[in-house]
Amino acid sequence: MAITSKRTSSEPIDPLSRVLTIVGSFFTITALALTIVGTATQYWYFDQSSDGSTLHYNFFTECSGNLLNGTSRCIDMQRSTTLGLGTQHAAGLLVTALCLLGLGMIVTLTMNFIRLSGIIAFIAPIFLFLAALFMVAAFAQGSRVTTYNGYSANLTQTGHLLTIFSMGLVAFIGSRLHVRYYSEL
């Protein structure tokens, strides 16, 4: 004689959990968008001298030029230098963080439509925690070889802050769903 549960993971989510999940999804999507834009744009570091020459770069590209005559030349970051090697390691950590943040966003969006039960409800916060951890490691590795004074770094740091906020909110939602799921026994 088998005992089967009448509960399924497709039972409706209560209205407060639904609203919190939508808010968590919004913050996660915003964090991912800001982090992608901050990683892709070239102004992690910006320097302009008195003669108009400029230097700016991110973890992948280095650009130099002159504002007075409107010239600019961008090349791939030279990995044979200390700056290039340090930014290469930081770039790898940041790309890993982006992948984890994307997975966390997908699971958070899934929570809007499917009632995740048990320990599965905590997969999204785990992905977001690991994404935040890899972002901090990328910032630390990059700060060993350069300073961050451009808007691209500010965008990525804002994405990091939103990732941390999303992680807390999604963990709260997951625990709320976990408690509600097992209190219905």
N, C-alpha and C. Protein backbone atom coordinates (compact mmCIF):
# COMPACT_ATOMS: atom_id res chain seq x y z
N MET A 1 0.85 -1.16 0.00
CA MET A 1 0.00 0.00 0.00
C MET A 1 0.89 1.23 0.00
N ALA A 2 0.75 2.05 -1.02
CA ALA A 2 1.59 3.24 -1.14
C ALA A 2 0.85 4.45 -0.65
N ILE A 3 1.58 5.28 0.00
CA ILE A 3 1.02 6.54 0.48
C ILE A 3 1.52 7.63 -0.45
N THR A 4 0.61 8.32 -1.08
CA THR A 4 0.99 9.41 -1.99
C THR A 4 0.45 10.71 -1.45
N SER A 5 1.17 11.76 -1.75
CA SER A 5 0.76 13.09 -1.31
C SER A 5 -0.22 13.67 -2.32
N LYS A 6 -1.19 14.40 -1.83
CA LYS A 6 -2.14 15.07 -2.71
C LYS A 6 -1.60 16.42 -3.15
N ARG A 7 -0.49 16.84 -2.56
CA ARG A 7 0.09 18.14 -2.90
C ARG A 7 0.92 18.02 -4.17
N THR A 8 0.87 19.06 -4.96
CA THR A 8 1.73 19.15 -6.14
C THR A 8 2.42 20.50 -6.10
N SER A 9 3.48 20.63 -6.87
CA SER A 9 4.19 21.91 -6.91
C SER A 9 3.46 22.94 -7.75
N SER A 10 2.35 22.58 -8.37
CA SER A 10 1.62 23.53 -9.19
C SER A 10 0.47 24.19 -8.43
N GLU A 11 0.40 24.01 -7.12
CA GLU A 11 -0.62 24.69 -6.34
C GLU A 11 -0.37 26.19 -6.40
N PRO A 12 -1.42 26.99 -6.31
CA PRO A 12 -1.24 28.43 -6.45
C PRO A 12 -0.41 29.03 -5.31
N ILE A 13 0.29 30.09 -5.64
CA ILE A 13 1.09 30.82 -4.66
C ILE A 13 0.20 31.89 -4.05
N ASP A 14 0.34 32.12 -2.75
CA ASP A 14 -0.48 33.14 -2.11
C ASP A 14 -0.14 34.52 -2.66
N PRO A 15 -1.07 35.49 -2.57
CA PRO A 15 -0.87 36.79 -3.22
C PRO A 15 0.36 37.57 -2.73
N LEU A 16 0.65 37.54 -1.43
CA LEU A 16 1.81 38.28 -0.94
C LEU A 16 3.11 37.68 -1.48
N SER A 17 3.20 36.37 -1.49
CA SER A 17 4.39 35.73 -2.05
C SER A 17 4.52 36.03 -3.54
N ARG A 18 3.42 36.09 -4.24
CA ARG A 18 3.44 36.42 -5.67
C ARG A 18 3.99 37.83 -5.89
N VAL A 19 3.52 38.80 -5.10
CA VAL A 19 3.99 40.18 -5.23
C VAL A 19 5.48 40.27 -4.88
N LEU A 20 5.88 39.61 -3.81
CA LEU A 20 7.29 39.63 -3.42
C LEU A 20 8.17 38.97 -4.48
N THR A 21 7.67 37.93 -5.10
CA THR A 21 8.43 37.26 -6.16
C THR A 21 8.58 38.17 -7.38
N ILE A 22 7.54 38.90 -7.71
CA ILE A 22 7.61 39.84 -8.83
C ILE A 22 8.60 40.95 -8.52
N VAL A 23 8.59 41.48 -7.30
CA VAL A 23 9.54 42.51 -6.90
C VAL A 23 10.96 41.96 -6.93
N GLY A 24 11.15 40.74 -6.41
CA GLY A 24 12.47 40.11 -6.45
C GLY A 24 12.94 39.88 -7.88
N SER A 25 12.04 39.51 -8.76
CA SER A 25 12.38 39.32 -10.18
C SER A 25 12.81 40.63 -10.81
N PHE A 26 12.10 41.71 -10.48
CA PHE A 26 12.44 43.03 -11.01
C PHE A 26 13.86 43.43 -10.59
N PHE A 27 14.17 43.27 -9.31
CA PHE A 27 15.50 43.63 -8.84
C PHE A 27 16.59 42.74 -9.43
N THR A 28 16.29 41.47 -9.63
CA THR A 28 17.26 40.56 -10.22
C THR A 28 17.52 40.90 -11.68
N ILE A 29 16.46 41.21 -12.43
CA ILE A 29 16.61 41.60 -13.84
C ILE A 29 17.39 42.91 -13.94
N THR A 30 17.08 43.86 -13.06
CA THR A 30 17.79 45.14 -13.06
C THR A 30 19.26 44.94 -12.73
N ALA A 31 19.55 44.09 -11.75
CA ALA A 31 20.95 43.81 -11.39
C ALA A 31 21.69 43.20 -12.56
N LEU A 32 21.06 42.27 -13.25
CA LEU A 32 21.71 41.64 -14.39
C LEU A 32 21.95 42.65 -15.51
N ALA A 33 20.97 43.49 -15.80
CA ALA A 33 21.12 44.48 -16.87
C ALA A 33 22.23 45.48 -16.54
N LEU A 34 22.26 45.99 -15.32
CA LEU A 34 23.30 46.94 -14.94
C LEU A 34 24.69 46.31 -14.98
N THR A 35 24.78 45.08 -14.55
CA THR A 35 26.07 44.41 -14.53
C THR A 35 26.56 44.11 -15.94
N ILE A 36 25.66 43.72 -16.83
CA ILE A 36 26.06 43.48 -18.23
C ILE A 36 26.53 44.77 -18.88
N VAL A 37 25.77 45.86 -18.71
CA VAL A 37 26.15 47.14 -19.31
C VAL A 37 27.47 47.64 -18.71
N GLY A 38 27.61 47.52 -17.40
CA GLY A 38 28.85 47.96 -16.76
C GLY A 38 30.05 47.15 -17.19
N THR A 39 29.86 45.88 -17.42
CA THR A 39 30.96 45.02 -17.87
C THR A 39 31.32 45.31 -19.32
N ALA A 40 30.34 45.60 -20.14
CA ALA A 40 30.58 45.78 -21.58
C ALA A 40 31.13 47.15 -21.94
N THR A 41 30.82 48.18 -21.17
CA THR A 41 31.29 49.52 -21.52
C THR A 41 32.73 49.71 -21.07
N GLN A 42 33.41 50.70 -21.65
CA GLN A 42 34.86 50.80 -21.53
C GLN A 42 35.36 51.80 -20.49
N TYR A 43 34.53 52.26 -19.60
CA TYR A 43 34.97 53.32 -18.70
C TYR A 43 35.05 52.85 -17.25
N TRP A 44 35.84 51.80 -17.00
CA TRP A 44 36.14 51.42 -15.63
C TRP A 44 37.18 52.37 -15.06
N TYR A 45 38.11 52.75 -15.90
CA TYR A 45 39.14 53.71 -15.51
C TYR A 45 39.19 54.77 -16.60
N PHE A 46 39.27 56.04 -16.19
CA PHE A 46 39.36 57.14 -17.15
C PHE A 46 40.38 58.13 -16.63
N ASP A 47 41.29 58.56 -17.53
CA ASP A 47 42.29 59.55 -17.18
C ASP A 47 42.46 60.50 -18.35
N GLN A 48 42.50 61.78 -18.03
CA GLN A 48 42.70 62.80 -19.06
C GLN A 48 43.81 63.73 -18.57
N SER A 49 44.81 63.93 -19.41
CA SER A 49 45.90 64.82 -19.05
C SER A 49 45.60 66.24 -19.55
N SER A 50 46.45 67.18 -19.19
CA SER A 50 46.22 68.58 -19.53
C SER A 50 46.35 68.86 -21.04
N ASP A 51 47.06 68.01 -21.76
CA ASP A 51 47.19 68.22 -23.20
C ASP A 51 46.05 67.59 -24.00
N GLY A 52 45.04 67.02 -23.31
CA GLY A 52 43.87 66.46 -23.97
C GLY A 52 43.94 64.98 -24.24
N SER A 53 45.07 64.35 -23.98
CA SER A 53 45.17 62.91 -24.22
C SER A 53 44.41 62.14 -23.15
N THR A 54 43.76 61.08 -23.57
CA THR A 54 42.91 60.31 -22.67
C THR A 54 43.34 58.84 -22.69
N LEU A 55 43.04 58.18 -21.59
CA LEU A 55 43.22 56.75 -21.47
C LEU A 55 42.03 56.22 -20.70
N HIS A 56 41.35 55.21 -21.26
CA HIS A 56 40.25 54.57 -20.54
C HIS A 56 40.21 53.12 -20.93
N TYR A 57 39.77 52.28 -19.98
CA TYR A 57 39.72 50.85 -20.24
C TYR A 57 38.74 50.16 -19.31
N ASN A 58 38.41 48.94 -19.72
CA ASN A 58 37.67 48.02 -18.85
C ASN A 58 38.54 46.77 -18.72
N PHE A 59 37.95 45.63 -18.39
CA PHE A 59 38.73 44.43 -18.21
C PHE A 59 39.12 43.75 -19.53
N PHE A 60 38.58 44.25 -20.65
CA PHE A 60 38.80 43.60 -21.93
C PHE A 60 39.49 44.49 -22.95
N THR A 61 39.25 45.80 -22.92
CA THR A 61 39.69 46.73 -23.95
C THR A 61 40.38 47.93 -23.34
N GLU A 62 41.41 48.40 -24.02
CA GLU A 62 42.13 49.60 -23.61
C GLU A 62 42.07 50.62 -24.74
N CYS A 63 41.67 51.85 -24.41
CA CYS A 63 41.53 52.89 -25.43
C CYS A 63 42.38 54.10 -25.05
N SER A 64 42.99 54.70 -26.05
CA SER A 64 43.74 55.94 -25.85
C SER A 64 43.38 56.87 -26.99
N GLY A 65 43.49 58.16 -26.73
CA GLY A 65 43.14 59.12 -27.76
C GLY A 65 43.43 60.53 -27.30
N ASN A 66 42.84 61.48 -28.01
CA ASN A 66 43.02 62.88 -27.69
C ASN A 66 41.69 63.58 -27.90
N LEU A 67 41.25 64.28 -26.88
CA LEU A 67 39.98 65.00 -26.98
C LEU A 67 40.08 66.23 -27.87
N LEU A 68 41.26 66.84 -27.97
CA LEU A 68 41.42 68.07 -28.74
C LEU A 68 41.27 67.83 -30.23
N ASN A 69 41.80 66.72 -30.74
CA ASN A 69 41.66 66.45 -32.17
C ASN A 69 40.66 65.33 -32.47
N GLY A 70 40.00 64.80 -31.44
CA GLY A 70 38.93 63.83 -31.63
C GLY A 70 39.37 62.44 -32.05
N THR A 71 40.58 62.07 -31.74
CA THR A 71 41.05 60.74 -32.11
C THR A 71 40.87 59.77 -30.95
N SER A 72 40.66 58.53 -31.31
CA SER A 72 40.56 57.47 -30.30
C SER A 72 40.95 56.15 -30.96
N ARG A 73 41.70 55.34 -30.22
CA ARG A 73 42.13 54.05 -30.73
C ARG A 73 41.96 53.04 -29.61
N CYS A 74 41.21 51.99 -29.91
CA CYS A 74 40.96 50.95 -28.92
C CYS A 74 41.60 49.64 -29.38
N ILE A 75 42.23 48.95 -28.43
CA ILE A 75 42.84 47.66 -28.71
C ILE A 75 42.46 46.70 -27.59
N ASP A 76 42.64 45.42 -27.84
CA ASP A 76 42.43 44.43 -26.78
C ASP A 76 43.46 44.66 -25.69
N MET A 77 43.05 44.40 -24.46
CA MET A 77 43.96 44.57 -23.33
C MET A 77 45.17 43.66 -23.52
N GLN A 78 46.35 44.23 -23.40
CA GLN A 78 47.58 43.46 -23.54
C GLN A 78 47.78 42.60 -22.29
N ARG A 79 47.71 41.29 -22.44
CA ARG A 79 47.76 40.38 -21.29
C ARG A 79 49.17 40.09 -20.80
N SER A 80 50.20 40.64 -21.47
CA SER A 80 51.57 40.39 -21.04
C SER A 80 52.02 41.35 -19.94
N THR A 81 51.21 42.34 -19.60
CA THR A 81 51.54 43.30 -18.55
C THR A 81 50.86 42.92 -17.25
N THR A 82 51.27 43.54 -16.18
CA THR A 82 50.65 43.30 -14.88
C THR A 82 49.19 43.74 -14.90
N LEU A 83 48.92 44.89 -15.53
CA LEU A 83 47.55 45.37 -15.66
C LEU A 83 46.72 44.38 -16.47
N GLY A 84 47.25 43.91 -17.58
CA GLY A 84 46.51 42.98 -18.44
C GLY A 84 46.22 41.66 -17.76
N LEU A 85 47.19 41.14 -17.04
CA LEU A 85 46.99 39.86 -16.35
C LEU A 85 45.99 39.99 -15.21
N GLY A 86 46.09 41.09 -14.45
CA GLY A 86 45.14 41.31 -13.36
C GLY A 86 43.73 41.51 -13.86
N THR A 87 43.58 42.25 -14.95
CA THR A 87 42.24 42.46 -15.50
C THR A 87 41.69 41.19 -16.14
N GLN A 88 42.57 40.34 -16.66
CA GLN A 88 42.12 39.06 -17.22
C GLN A 88 41.49 38.19 -16.13
N HIS A 89 42.15 38.12 -14.99
CA HIS A 89 41.59 37.33 -13.88
C HIS A 89 40.28 37.93 -13.39
N ALA A 90 40.25 39.26 -13.27
CA ALA A 90 39.02 39.92 -12.83
C ALA A 90 37.89 39.71 -13.83
N ALA A 91 38.23 39.74 -15.12
CA ALA A 91 37.21 39.53 -16.16
C ALA A 91 36.63 38.13 -16.08
N GLY A 92 37.47 37.14 -15.84
CA GLY A 92 36.97 35.76 -15.71
C GLY A 92 36.03 35.61 -14.53
N LEU A 93 36.38 36.23 -13.42
CA LEU A 93 35.50 36.17 -12.25
C LEU A 93 34.18 36.90 -12.50
N LEU A 94 34.26 38.03 -13.21
CA LEU A 94 33.04 38.80 -13.47
C LEU A 94 32.13 38.08 -14.47
N VAL A 95 32.68 37.43 -15.46
CA VAL A 95 31.86 36.66 -16.41
C VAL A 95 31.19 35.49 -15.70
N THR A 96 31.91 34.84 -14.79
CA THR A 96 31.31 33.77 -13.98
C THR A 96 30.16 34.32 -13.14
N ALA A 97 30.36 35.49 -12.56
CA ALA A 97 29.30 36.13 -11.77
C ALA A 97 28.08 36.44 -12.64
N LEU A 98 28.32 36.89 -13.86
CA LEU A 98 27.20 37.17 -14.77
C LEU A 98 26.41 35.90 -15.08
N CYS A 99 27.11 34.80 -15.29
CA CYS A 99 26.42 33.53 -15.58
C CYS A 99 25.59 33.09 -14.37
N LEU A 100 26.16 33.19 -13.18
CA LEU A 100 25.41 32.81 -11.98
C LEU A 100 24.23 33.74 -11.73
N LEU A 101 24.42 35.03 -12.00
CA LEU A 101 23.32 35.99 -11.84
C LEU A 101 22.21 35.69 -12.84
N GLY A 102 22.58 35.30 -14.06
CA GLY A 102 21.58 34.91 -15.05
C GLY A 102 20.81 33.67 -14.63
N LEU A 103 21.50 32.67 -14.07
CA LEU A 103 20.81 31.48 -13.57
C LEU A 103 19.88 31.82 -12.42
N GLY A 104 20.35 32.69 -11.52
CA GLY A 104 19.50 33.13 -10.41
C GLY A 104 18.26 33.86 -10.90
N MET A 105 18.44 34.67 -11.95
CA MET A 105 17.30 35.38 -12.52
C MET A 105 16.30 34.41 -13.14
N ILE A 106 16.79 33.41 -13.85
CA ILE A 106 15.89 32.43 -14.48
C ILE A 106 15.09 31.67 -13.42
N VAL A 107 15.76 31.24 -12.35
CA VAL A 107 15.05 30.52 -11.30
C VAL A 107 14.06 31.43 -10.58
N THR A 108 14.44 32.70 -10.37
CA THR A 108 13.53 33.65 -9.73
C THR A 108 12.31 33.89 -10.61
N LEU A 109 12.51 34.03 -11.91
CA LEU A 109 11.37 34.19 -12.82
C LEU A 109 10.50 32.94 -12.82
N THR A 110 11.11 31.77 -12.71
CA THR A 110 10.36 30.52 -12.65
C THR A 110 9.49 30.47 -11.40
N MET A 111 9.98 31.07 -10.31
CA MET A 111 9.21 31.09 -9.07
C MET A 111 7.89 31.85 -9.23
N ASN A 112 7.80 32.72 -10.24
CA ASN A 112 6.55 33.43 -10.49
C ASN A 112 5.46 32.51 -11.02
N PHE A 113 5.85 31.43 -11.68
CA PHE A 113 4.88 30.58 -12.35
C PHE A 113 4.74 29.20 -11.73
N ILE A 114 5.81 28.72 -11.10
CA ILE A 114 5.79 27.38 -10.51
C ILE A 114 6.09 27.51 -9.02
N ARG A 115 5.30 26.84 -8.23
CA ARG A 115 5.54 26.87 -6.79
C ARG A 115 6.62 25.84 -6.47
N LEU A 116 7.82 26.35 -6.23
CA LEU A 116 8.94 25.48 -5.90
C LEU A 116 8.79 25.01 -4.46
N SER A 117 8.97 23.74 -4.24
CA SER A 117 8.73 23.20 -2.90
C SER A 117 10.02 22.67 -2.30
N GLY A 118 10.02 22.61 -1.00
CA GLY A 118 11.16 22.05 -0.28
C GLY A 118 12.41 22.88 -0.46
N ILE A 119 13.51 22.18 -0.50
CA ILE A 119 14.81 22.83 -0.59
C ILE A 119 15.04 23.48 -1.95
N ILE A 120 14.26 23.09 -2.95
CA ILE A 120 14.40 23.65 -4.30
C ILE A 120 14.11 25.16 -4.28
N ALA A 121 13.32 25.61 -3.33
CA ALA A 121 13.00 27.04 -3.24
C ALA A 121 14.23 27.89 -2.92
N PHE A 122 15.31 27.26 -2.49
CA PHE A 122 16.51 28.00 -2.11
C PHE A 122 17.60 27.96 -3.18
N ILE A 123 17.29 27.46 -4.36
CA ILE A 123 18.28 27.43 -5.44
C ILE A 123 18.59 28.84 -5.93
N ALA A 124 17.57 29.68 -6.11
CA ALA A 124 17.79 31.04 -6.60
C ALA A 124 18.66 31.85 -5.64
N PRO A 125 18.38 31.85 -4.32
CA PRO A 125 19.28 32.62 -3.44
C PRO A 125 20.71 32.09 -3.42
N ILE A 126 20.87 30.79 -3.62
CA ILE A 126 22.23 30.23 -3.66
C ILE A 126 22.97 30.74 -4.90
N PHE A 127 22.29 30.74 -6.05
CA PHE A 127 22.91 31.29 -7.26
C PHE A 127 23.25 32.77 -7.08
N LEU A 128 22.33 33.53 -6.49
CA LEU A 128 22.57 34.96 -6.29
C LEU A 128 23.70 35.20 -5.30
N PHE A 129 23.79 34.38 -4.26
CA PHE A 129 24.89 34.50 -3.31
C PHE A 129 26.23 34.25 -4.00
N LEU A 130 26.29 33.19 -4.80
CA LEU A 130 27.53 32.89 -5.51
C LEU A 130 27.88 33.99 -6.51
N ALA A 131 26.87 34.57 -7.16
CA ALA A 131 27.11 35.68 -8.09
C ALA A 131 27.70 36.88 -7.34
N ALA A 132 27.13 37.21 -6.19
CA ALA A 132 27.65 38.33 -5.39
C ALA A 132 29.07 38.05 -4.92
N LEU A 133 29.34 36.80 -4.57
CA LEU A 133 30.67 36.42 -4.12
C LEU A 133 31.69 36.55 -5.26
N PHE A 134 31.34 36.10 -6.44
CA PHE A 134 32.26 36.23 -7.58
C PHE A 134 32.44 37.69 -7.99
N MET A 135 31.40 38.50 -7.84
CA MET A 135 31.55 39.93 -8.14
C MET A 135 32.54 40.59 -7.19
N VAL A 136 32.44 40.28 -5.90
CA VAL A 136 33.38 40.84 -4.93
C VAL A 136 34.80 40.38 -5.26
N ALA A 137 34.95 39.12 -5.62
CA ALA A 137 36.28 38.62 -5.99
C ALA A 137 36.81 39.34 -7.23
N ALA A 138 35.94 39.63 -8.20
CA ALA A 138 36.36 40.37 -9.40
C ALA A 138 36.78 41.79 -9.04
N PHE A 139 36.01 42.45 -8.18
CA PHE A 139 36.37 43.80 -7.75
C PHE A 139 37.71 43.80 -7.02
N ALA A 140 37.91 42.82 -6.15
CA ALA A 140 39.15 42.75 -5.39
C ALA A 140 40.34 42.48 -6.31
N GLN A 141 40.18 41.55 -7.25
CA GLN A 141 41.27 41.24 -8.18
C GLN A 141 41.58 42.44 -9.06
N GLY A 142 40.57 43.12 -9.56
CA GLY A 142 40.80 44.29 -10.40
C GLY A 142 41.41 45.45 -9.65
N SER A 143 41.04 45.61 -8.38
CA SER A 143 41.57 46.73 -7.61
C SER A 143 43.04 46.53 -7.23
N ARG A 144 43.55 45.34 -7.42
CA ARG A 144 44.97 45.11 -7.18
C ARG A 144 45.83 45.77 -8.26
N VAL A 145 45.27 45.99 -9.45
CA VAL A 145 46.06 46.52 -10.55
C VAL A 145 45.57 47.87 -11.07
N THR A 146 44.40 48.32 -10.66
CA THR A 146 43.88 49.59 -11.16
C THR A 146 42.92 50.19 -10.14
N THR A 147 42.52 51.42 -10.42
CA THR A 147 41.47 52.06 -9.62
C THR A 147 40.22 52.15 -10.48
N TYR A 148 39.08 52.22 -9.83
CA TYR A 148 37.81 52.34 -10.54
C TYR A 148 37.31 53.77 -10.37
N ASN A 149 37.29 54.54 -11.45
CA ASN A 149 36.79 55.90 -11.35
C ASN A 149 35.82 56.25 -12.47
N GLY A 150 35.37 55.29 -13.22
CA GLY A 150 34.46 55.55 -14.33
C GLY A 150 33.06 55.05 -14.05
N TYR A 151 32.14 55.46 -14.92
CA TYR A 151 30.74 55.10 -14.72
C TYR A 151 30.48 53.62 -14.89
N SER A 152 31.28 52.93 -15.69
CA SER A 152 31.07 51.49 -15.90
C SER A 152 31.24 50.72 -14.60
N ALA A 153 32.25 51.09 -13.82
CA ALA A 153 32.45 50.44 -12.53
C ALA A 153 31.30 50.76 -11.59
N ASN A 154 30.79 51.99 -11.65
CA ASN A 154 29.64 52.36 -10.81
C ASN A 154 28.40 51.55 -11.17
N LEU A 155 28.18 51.31 -12.45
CA LEU A 155 27.04 50.49 -12.88
C LEU A 155 27.17 49.07 -12.35
N THR A 156 28.36 48.50 -12.46
CA THR A 156 28.57 47.13 -11.99
C THR A 156 28.45 47.04 -10.48
N GLN A 157 28.94 48.04 -9.77
CA GLN A 157 28.82 48.04 -8.31
C GLN A 157 27.37 48.20 -7.89
N THR A 158 26.59 48.98 -8.63
CA THR A 158 25.16 49.08 -8.35
C THR A 158 24.47 47.75 -8.63
N GLY A 159 24.87 47.07 -9.70
CA GLY A 159 24.34 45.73 -9.98
C GLY A 159 24.69 44.77 -8.87
N HIS A 160 25.88 44.90 -8.30
CA HIS A 160 26.28 44.06 -7.17
C HIS A 160 25.40 44.32 -5.95
N LEU A 161 25.13 45.59 -5.67
CA LEU A 161 24.26 45.94 -4.55
C LEU A 161 22.86 45.38 -4.75
N LEU A 162 22.33 45.49 -5.96
CA LEU A 162 21.00 44.94 -6.25
C LEU A 162 20.99 43.42 -6.19
N THR A 163 22.12 42.79 -6.52
CA THR A 163 22.22 41.33 -6.41
C THR A 163 22.11 40.92 -4.95
N ILE A 164 22.79 41.64 -4.08
CA ILE A 164 22.72 41.34 -2.64
C ILE A 164 21.30 41.55 -2.12
N PHE A 165 20.67 42.65 -2.53
CA PHE A 165 19.30 42.92 -2.10
C PHE A 165 18.35 41.84 -2.62
N SER A 166 18.52 41.47 -3.89
CA SER A 166 17.69 40.42 -4.48
C SER A 166 17.88 39.09 -3.77
N MET A 167 19.12 38.79 -3.42
CA MET A 167 19.41 37.53 -2.73
C MET A 167 18.64 37.46 -1.41
N GLY A 168 18.66 38.54 -0.64
CA GLY A 168 17.92 38.55 0.62
C GLY A 168 16.43 38.42 0.41
N LEU A 169 15.90 39.15 -0.56
CA LEU A 169 14.47 39.11 -0.83
C LEU A 169 14.04 37.74 -1.34
N VAL A 170 14.79 37.16 -2.24
CA VAL A 170 14.44 35.85 -2.81
C VAL A 170 14.60 34.76 -1.75
N ALA A 171 15.59 34.90 -0.86
CA ALA A 171 15.73 33.94 0.24
C ALA A 171 14.52 34.02 1.18
N PHE A 172 14.05 35.24 1.44
CA PHE A 172 12.85 35.40 2.26
C PHE A 172 11.64 34.76 1.58
N ILE A 173 11.51 34.98 0.28
CA ILE A 173 10.39 34.39 -0.47
C ILE A 173 10.48 32.86 -0.44
N GLY A 174 11.70 32.34 -0.66
CA GLY A 174 11.89 30.89 -0.64
C GLY A 174 11.54 30.29 0.71
N SER A 175 11.95 30.97 1.79
CA SER A 175 11.62 30.44 3.12
C SER A 175 10.13 30.54 3.39
N ARG A 176 9.52 31.61 2.91
CA ARG A 176 8.07 31.76 3.08
C ARG A 176 7.32 30.64 2.35
N LEU A 177 7.73 30.36 1.12
CA LEU A 177 7.09 29.28 0.36
C LEU A 177 7.38 27.92 0.99
N HIS A 178 8.58 27.75 1.51
CA HIS A 178 8.96 26.49 2.15
C HIS A 178 8.08 26.24 3.39
N VAL A 179 7.92 27.26 4.23
CA VAL A 179 7.11 27.12 5.44
C VAL A 179 5.65 26.89 5.08
N ARG A 180 5.13 27.65 4.11
CA ARG A 180 3.72 27.47 3.72
C ARG A 180 3.48 26.08 3.12
N TYR A 181 4.46 25.58 2.37
CA TYR A 181 4.31 24.27 1.74
C TYR A 181 4.22 23.16 2.80
N TYR A 182 5.07 23.24 3.80
CA TYR A 182 5.08 22.17 4.80
C TYR A 182 4.09 22.39 5.95
N SER A 183 3.50 23.58 6.04
CA SER A 183 2.47 23.77 7.07
C SER A 183 1.11 23.29 6.57
N GLU A 184 1.01 22.98 5.27
CA GLU A 184 -0.24 22.50 4.71
C GLU A 184 -0.40 20.98 4.86
N LEU A 185 0.50 20.34 5.55
CA LEU A 185 0.42 18.87 5.70
C LEU A 185 -0.80 18.43 6.40
